[in-house]
Amino acid sequence: TGKPLDTVVAMEANTAGMKVTFSRDMDEKTLLATQNYKAAWWNYRWSGDYGSKRWKVSNPNAEGQDDLVIESVKKINARTVQVNITGGMKPVMQFQLGYNLKANDGATVSGSTFFTVHQLAKE
């Protein structure tokens, strides 16, 4: 299409949260605003059944997910930020990070990325 692909191109889980790199330069004001990010996590249960419900990390016997608080966002460069989570990151089966930002040209860049966290780097 000749248009930029607006997506997350790199992620690194660390003890404070998540380092995230976008595919192009972002507007600094929206990039650093904590309210432009949403995060949640949950685990699954292994069983003989097909699939699994979501189970809270905070209470493994409670169904659902934990919505996380974005404590701060630190700029590393025009495409990369460190998104810090209150209480820090931990290994988890599913982590979701949603974002609603603007690129430097004013285009809306929004989406959500999901991944499993096995190991944590030091921030």
N, C-alpha and C. Protein backbone atom coordinates (compact mmCIF):
# COMPACT_ATOMS: atom_id res chain seq x y z
N THR A 1 0.82 -1.21 0.00
CA THR A 1 0.00 0.00 0.00
C THR A 1 0.85 1.26 0.00
N GLY A 2 2.12 1.13 0.32
CA GLY A 2 2.98 2.29 0.39
C GLY A 2 2.85 3.06 1.69
N LYS A 3 1.97 2.61 2.57
CA LYS A 3 1.76 3.29 3.85
C LYS A 3 2.61 2.61 4.92
N PRO A 4 2.99 3.37 5.97
CA PRO A 4 3.77 2.76 7.06
C PRO A 4 2.99 1.66 7.78
N LEU A 5 3.70 0.65 8.23
CA LEU A 5 3.10 -0.39 9.05
C LEU A 5 3.30 0.03 10.50
N ASP A 6 2.22 0.37 11.16
CA ASP A 6 2.28 0.86 12.54
C ASP A 6 2.06 -0.30 13.50
N THR A 7 3.15 -0.75 14.10
CA THR A 7 3.07 -1.90 14.99
C THR A 7 4.25 -1.90 15.96
N VAL A 8 4.18 -2.75 16.95
CA VAL A 8 5.31 -3.00 17.84
C VAL A 8 6.26 -3.94 17.11
N VAL A 9 7.54 -3.58 17.09
CA VAL A 9 8.53 -4.41 16.39
C VAL A 9 9.50 -5.11 17.33
N ALA A 10 9.55 -4.69 18.60
CA ALA A 10 10.43 -5.35 19.57
C ALA A 10 9.89 -5.11 20.97
N MET A 11 10.05 -6.12 21.84
CA MET A 11 9.63 -6.04 23.23
C MET A 11 10.64 -6.78 24.08
N GLU A 12 10.86 -6.28 25.29
CA GLU A 12 11.73 -6.96 26.23
C GLU A 12 11.16 -6.80 27.63
N ALA A 13 10.80 -7.93 28.23
CA ALA A 13 10.29 -7.89 29.61
C ALA A 13 11.47 -7.71 30.55
N ASN A 14 11.30 -6.82 31.53
CA ASN A 14 12.33 -6.60 32.53
C ASN A 14 11.68 -6.46 33.89
N THR A 15 12.48 -6.34 34.92
CA THR A 15 11.96 -6.36 36.28
C THR A 15 10.97 -5.22 36.56
N ALA A 16 11.08 -4.11 35.85
CA ALA A 16 10.20 -2.96 36.08
C ALA A 16 8.94 -3.00 35.22
N GLY A 17 9.01 -3.68 34.10
CA GLY A 17 7.87 -3.70 33.17
C GLY A 17 8.28 -4.19 31.80
N MET A 18 8.09 -3.34 30.81
CA MET A 18 8.30 -3.76 29.43
C MET A 18 8.95 -2.65 28.62
N LYS A 19 10.01 -3.00 27.91
CA LYS A 19 10.63 -2.09 26.95
C LYS A 19 9.99 -2.38 25.60
N VAL A 20 9.44 -1.35 24.96
CA VAL A 20 8.65 -1.53 23.74
C VAL A 20 9.19 -0.61 22.64
N THR A 21 9.38 -1.18 21.44
CA THR A 21 9.83 -0.40 20.29
C THR A 21 8.77 -0.45 19.20
N PHE A 22 8.40 0.72 18.70
CA PHE A 22 7.42 0.84 17.62
C PHE A 22 8.12 0.95 16.27
N SER A 23 7.37 0.76 15.20
CA SER A 23 7.94 0.70 13.86
C SER A 23 8.34 2.06 13.29
N ARG A 24 7.90 3.14 13.92
CA ARG A 24 8.33 4.46 13.45
C ARG A 24 8.31 5.46 14.61
N ASP A 25 8.86 6.64 14.36
CA ASP A 25 8.95 7.67 15.40
C ASP A 25 7.56 8.11 15.85
N MET A 26 7.42 8.26 17.16
CA MET A 26 6.15 8.64 17.77
C MET A 26 6.18 10.06 18.31
N ASP A 27 4.99 10.65 18.40
CA ASP A 27 4.82 11.95 19.02
C ASP A 27 5.16 11.81 20.50
N GLU A 28 6.10 12.61 20.99
CA GLU A 28 6.59 12.44 22.36
C GLU A 28 5.50 12.63 23.40
N LYS A 29 4.60 13.58 23.19
CA LYS A 29 3.54 13.84 24.17
C LYS A 29 2.67 12.61 24.39
N THR A 30 2.23 11.98 23.31
CA THR A 30 1.38 10.79 23.47
C THR A 30 2.20 9.58 23.89
N LEU A 31 3.45 9.51 23.45
CA LEU A 31 4.31 8.38 23.78
C LEU A 31 4.54 8.26 25.28
N LEU A 32 4.62 9.41 25.98
CA LEU A 32 4.96 9.40 27.40
C LEU A 32 3.76 9.47 28.33
N ALA A 33 2.55 9.57 27.81
CA ALA A 33 1.35 9.68 28.64
C ALA A 33 0.90 8.30 29.11
N THR A 34 0.93 8.07 30.43
CA THR A 34 0.58 6.75 30.97
C THR A 34 -0.83 6.32 30.61
N GLN A 35 -1.76 7.28 30.46
CA GLN A 35 -3.14 6.93 30.15
C GLN A 35 -3.31 6.38 28.73
N ASN A 36 -2.27 6.44 27.92
CA ASN A 36 -2.33 5.91 26.56
C ASN A 36 -1.95 4.43 26.47
N TYR A 37 -1.73 3.82 27.63
CA TYR A 37 -1.37 2.40 27.70
C TYR A 37 -2.32 1.67 28.65
N LYS A 38 -2.62 0.44 28.34
CA LYS A 38 -3.39 -0.46 29.22
C LYS A 38 -2.63 -1.78 29.27
N ALA A 39 -2.63 -2.41 30.44
CA ALA A 39 -1.93 -3.69 30.57
C ALA A 39 -2.74 -4.63 31.44
N ALA A 40 -2.63 -5.91 31.14
CA ALA A 40 -3.30 -6.96 31.93
C ALA A 40 -2.46 -8.23 31.81
N TRP A 41 -2.67 -9.13 32.79
CA TRP A 41 -2.02 -10.44 32.69
C TRP A 41 -2.90 -11.50 33.30
N TRP A 42 -2.63 -12.74 32.90
CA TRP A 42 -3.37 -13.89 33.39
C TRP A 42 -2.59 -15.16 33.07
N ASN A 43 -2.99 -16.23 33.71
CA ASN A 43 -2.41 -17.55 33.45
C ASN A 43 -3.50 -18.49 32.93
N TYR A 44 -3.07 -19.62 32.44
CA TYR A 44 -3.97 -20.68 32.01
C TYR A 44 -3.74 -21.90 32.90
N ARG A 45 -4.64 -22.84 32.86
CA ARG A 45 -4.45 -24.11 33.56
C ARG A 45 -4.35 -25.23 32.54
N TRP A 46 -3.34 -26.06 32.73
CA TRP A 46 -3.18 -27.24 31.88
C TRP A 46 -4.18 -28.29 32.36
N SER A 47 -4.90 -28.90 31.42
CA SER A 47 -5.84 -29.96 31.76
C SER A 47 -6.11 -30.80 30.51
N GLY A 48 -6.95 -31.80 30.66
CA GLY A 48 -7.35 -32.63 29.53
C GLY A 48 -8.43 -31.96 28.69
N ASP A 49 -8.97 -30.85 29.17
CA ASP A 49 -10.00 -30.11 28.42
C ASP A 49 -9.35 -29.31 27.30
N TYR A 50 -10.17 -28.98 26.31
CA TYR A 50 -9.70 -28.13 25.23
C TYR A 50 -9.74 -26.69 25.72
N GLY A 51 -8.61 -26.01 25.66
CA GLY A 51 -8.56 -24.61 26.07
C GLY A 51 -8.57 -24.44 27.57
N SER A 52 -8.53 -23.19 27.98
CA SER A 52 -8.54 -22.86 29.40
C SER A 52 -9.17 -21.50 29.59
N LYS A 53 -9.78 -21.31 30.72
CA LYS A 53 -10.25 -20.00 31.11
C LYS A 53 -9.03 -19.18 31.53
N ARG A 54 -9.23 -17.89 31.71
CA ARG A 54 -8.20 -17.02 32.26
C ARG A 54 -8.26 -17.13 33.78
N TRP A 55 -7.07 -17.22 34.39
CA TRP A 55 -6.97 -17.29 35.84
C TRP A 55 -6.06 -16.17 36.33
N LYS A 56 -6.50 -15.45 37.35
CA LYS A 56 -5.77 -14.31 37.86
C LYS A 56 -4.39 -14.70 38.39
N VAL A 57 -3.42 -13.87 38.12
CA VAL A 57 -2.07 -14.06 38.66
C VAL A 57 -2.10 -13.74 40.15
N SER A 58 -2.87 -12.74 40.55
CA SER A 58 -2.95 -12.32 41.96
C SER A 58 -3.64 -13.35 42.84
N ASN A 59 -4.51 -14.16 42.24
CA ASN A 59 -5.24 -15.20 42.98
C ASN A 59 -5.49 -16.36 42.03
N PRO A 60 -4.60 -17.34 41.99
CA PRO A 60 -4.70 -18.42 41.01
C PRO A 60 -6.01 -19.22 41.05
N ASN A 61 -6.80 -19.09 42.11
CA ASN A 61 -8.08 -19.79 42.19
C ASN A 61 -9.25 -18.93 41.73
N ALA A 62 -8.97 -17.71 41.32
CA ALA A 62 -10.03 -16.80 40.85
C ALA A 62 -9.96 -16.68 39.33
N GLU A 63 -11.11 -16.82 38.72
CA GLU A 63 -11.20 -16.70 37.28
C GLU A 63 -11.08 -15.23 36.88
N GLY A 64 -10.42 -14.97 35.75
CA GLY A 64 -10.32 -13.62 35.24
C GLY A 64 -8.89 -13.20 34.98
N GLN A 65 -8.71 -11.91 34.83
CA GLN A 65 -7.39 -11.35 34.58
C GLN A 65 -7.15 -10.21 35.55
N ASP A 66 -5.89 -9.86 35.73
CA ASP A 66 -5.52 -8.71 36.56
C ASP A 66 -5.23 -7.54 35.63
N ASP A 67 -5.98 -6.44 35.79
CA ASP A 67 -5.66 -5.21 35.08
C ASP A 67 -4.56 -4.52 35.86
N LEU A 68 -3.51 -4.11 35.17
CA LEU A 68 -2.33 -3.56 35.82
C LEU A 68 -2.32 -2.04 35.73
N VAL A 69 -1.61 -1.42 36.64
CA VAL A 69 -1.47 0.04 36.67
C VAL A 69 -0.14 0.41 36.02
N ILE A 70 -0.21 1.30 35.02
CA ILE A 70 1.01 1.82 34.39
C ILE A 70 1.53 2.92 35.31
N GLU A 71 2.67 2.68 35.91
CA GLU A 71 3.26 3.61 36.87
C GLU A 71 3.92 4.80 36.18
N SER A 72 4.68 4.51 35.13
CA SER A 72 5.39 5.56 34.40
C SER A 72 5.80 5.04 33.03
N VAL A 73 6.11 5.99 32.15
CA VAL A 73 6.63 5.66 30.83
C VAL A 73 7.87 6.53 30.62
N LYS A 74 9.00 5.89 30.32
CA LYS A 74 10.25 6.62 30.11
C LYS A 74 10.67 6.47 28.66
N LYS A 75 11.03 7.59 28.05
CA LYS A 75 11.48 7.58 26.66
C LYS A 75 12.92 7.11 26.58
N ILE A 76 13.17 6.16 25.69
CA ILE A 76 14.54 5.73 25.41
C ILE A 76 15.02 6.41 24.12
N ASN A 77 14.16 6.41 23.10
CA ASN A 77 14.39 7.19 21.88
C ASN A 77 13.03 7.45 21.24
N ALA A 78 12.98 7.98 20.03
CA ALA A 78 11.72 8.38 19.41
C ALA A 78 10.79 7.20 19.10
N ARG A 79 11.31 5.99 19.15
CA ARG A 79 10.50 4.79 18.87
C ARG A 79 10.37 3.84 20.06
N THR A 80 11.16 4.04 21.08
CA THR A 80 11.24 3.06 22.17
C THR A 80 10.96 3.71 23.52
N VAL A 81 10.15 3.01 24.32
CA VAL A 81 9.84 3.45 25.68
C VAL A 81 9.98 2.29 26.65
N GLN A 82 10.18 2.65 27.91
CA GLN A 82 10.14 1.70 29.01
C GLN A 82 8.81 1.95 29.71
N VAL A 83 7.90 0.97 29.66
CA VAL A 83 6.61 1.08 30.33
C VAL A 83 6.72 0.36 31.67
N ASN A 84 6.68 1.13 32.75
CA ASN A 84 6.84 0.56 34.09
C ASN A 84 5.48 0.27 34.71
N ILE A 85 5.38 -0.90 35.32
CA ILE A 85 4.14 -1.39 35.92
C ILE A 85 4.27 -1.33 37.43
N THR A 86 3.24 -0.83 38.09
CA THR A 86 3.25 -0.79 39.55
C THR A 86 3.44 -2.21 40.08
N GLY A 87 4.43 -2.39 40.93
CA GLY A 87 4.73 -3.72 41.48
C GLY A 87 5.72 -4.50 40.64
N GLY A 88 6.02 -4.03 39.42
CA GLY A 88 7.00 -4.70 38.57
C GLY A 88 6.44 -5.87 37.77
N MET A 89 7.25 -6.39 36.91
CA MET A 89 6.89 -7.50 36.03
C MET A 89 7.28 -8.82 36.67
N LYS A 90 6.60 -9.87 36.27
CA LYS A 90 6.95 -11.22 36.71
C LYS A 90 6.65 -12.19 35.56
N PRO A 91 7.23 -13.37 35.58
CA PRO A 91 6.89 -14.36 34.56
C PRO A 91 5.38 -14.66 34.61
N VAL A 92 4.79 -14.77 33.43
CA VAL A 92 3.34 -14.95 33.33
C VAL A 92 3.02 -15.59 31.97
N MET A 93 1.95 -16.39 31.94
CA MET A 93 1.59 -17.05 30.69
C MET A 93 1.11 -16.08 29.62
N GLN A 94 0.33 -15.07 30.01
CA GLN A 94 -0.15 -14.09 29.03
C GLN A 94 -0.05 -12.69 29.61
N PHE A 95 0.58 -11.80 28.85
CA PHE A 95 0.66 -10.38 29.18
C PHE A 95 0.14 -9.63 27.98
N GLN A 96 -0.74 -8.68 28.21
CA GLN A 96 -1.30 -7.88 27.12
C GLN A 96 -0.95 -6.43 27.37
N LEU A 97 -0.43 -5.77 26.34
CA LEU A 97 -0.16 -4.34 26.40
C LEU A 97 -0.92 -3.68 25.26
N GLY A 98 -1.82 -2.78 25.62
CA GLY A 98 -2.55 -2.00 24.64
C GLY A 98 -1.99 -0.60 24.59
N TYR A 99 -2.08 0.05 23.43
CA TYR A 99 -1.54 1.40 23.28
C TYR A 99 -2.42 2.19 22.32
N ASN A 100 -2.48 3.50 22.55
CA ASN A 100 -3.23 4.42 21.69
C ASN A 100 -2.40 5.70 21.61
N LEU A 101 -1.59 5.80 20.56
CA LEU A 101 -0.60 6.86 20.42
C LEU A 101 -0.79 7.61 19.10
N LYS A 102 0.09 8.56 18.87
CA LYS A 102 0.15 9.26 17.58
C LYS A 102 1.59 9.20 17.09
N ALA A 103 1.74 9.02 15.78
CA ALA A 103 3.06 9.08 15.16
C ALA A 103 3.44 10.55 14.98
N ASN A 104 4.68 10.81 14.63
CA ASN A 104 5.13 12.19 14.43
C ASN A 104 4.33 12.93 13.37
N ASP A 105 3.79 12.21 12.39
CA ASP A 105 3.00 12.86 11.34
C ASP A 105 1.53 13.03 11.73
N GLY A 106 1.16 12.67 12.97
CA GLY A 106 -0.20 12.84 13.46
C GLY A 106 -1.09 11.62 13.26
N ALA A 107 -0.62 10.60 12.57
CA ALA A 107 -1.41 9.38 12.36
C ALA A 107 -1.63 8.65 13.67
N THR A 108 -2.83 8.11 13.87
CA THR A 108 -3.13 7.32 15.06
C THR A 108 -2.44 5.96 14.97
N VAL A 109 -1.78 5.58 16.03
CA VAL A 109 -1.12 4.28 16.12
C VAL A 109 -1.69 3.60 17.36
N SER A 110 -2.57 2.64 17.14
CA SER A 110 -3.19 1.95 18.27
C SER A 110 -3.23 0.46 18.00
N GLY A 111 -3.23 -0.28 19.07
CA GLY A 111 -3.28 -1.73 18.94
C GLY A 111 -3.02 -2.39 20.28
N SER A 112 -2.79 -3.66 20.22
CA SER A 112 -2.55 -4.44 21.41
C SER A 112 -1.62 -5.58 21.04
N THR A 113 -0.72 -5.91 21.93
CA THR A 113 0.19 -7.02 21.69
C THR A 113 0.12 -7.98 22.89
N PHE A 114 0.24 -9.26 22.61
CA PHE A 114 0.14 -10.31 23.62
C PHE A 114 1.40 -11.14 23.58
N PHE A 115 1.89 -11.55 24.74
CA PHE A 115 3.04 -12.43 24.75
C PHE A 115 3.18 -13.12 26.09
N THR A 116 4.02 -14.16 26.10
CA THR A 116 4.34 -14.92 27.30
C THR A 116 5.67 -14.42 27.84
N VAL A 117 5.74 -14.23 29.13
CA VAL A 117 6.99 -13.76 29.77
C VAL A 117 7.62 -14.94 30.49
N HIS A 118 8.78 -15.39 30.01
CA HIS A 118 9.50 -16.49 30.63
C HIS A 118 10.61 -16.00 31.54
N GLN A 119 11.37 -15.01 31.07
CA GLN A 119 12.51 -14.50 31.82
C GLN A 119 12.47 -12.98 31.82
N LEU A 120 13.08 -12.39 32.84
CA LEU A 120 13.12 -10.95 32.95
C LEU A 120 14.56 -10.44 32.85
N ALA A 121 14.75 -9.43 32.02
CA ALA A 121 16.03 -8.74 31.97
C ALA A 121 16.06 -7.73 33.11
N LYS A 122 17.21 -7.23 33.46
CA LYS A 122 17.29 -6.15 34.45
C LYS A 122 17.09 -4.85 33.73
N GLU A 123 16.28 -3.97 34.35
CA GLU A 123 16.01 -2.69 33.69
C GLU A 123 17.21 -1.79 33.80
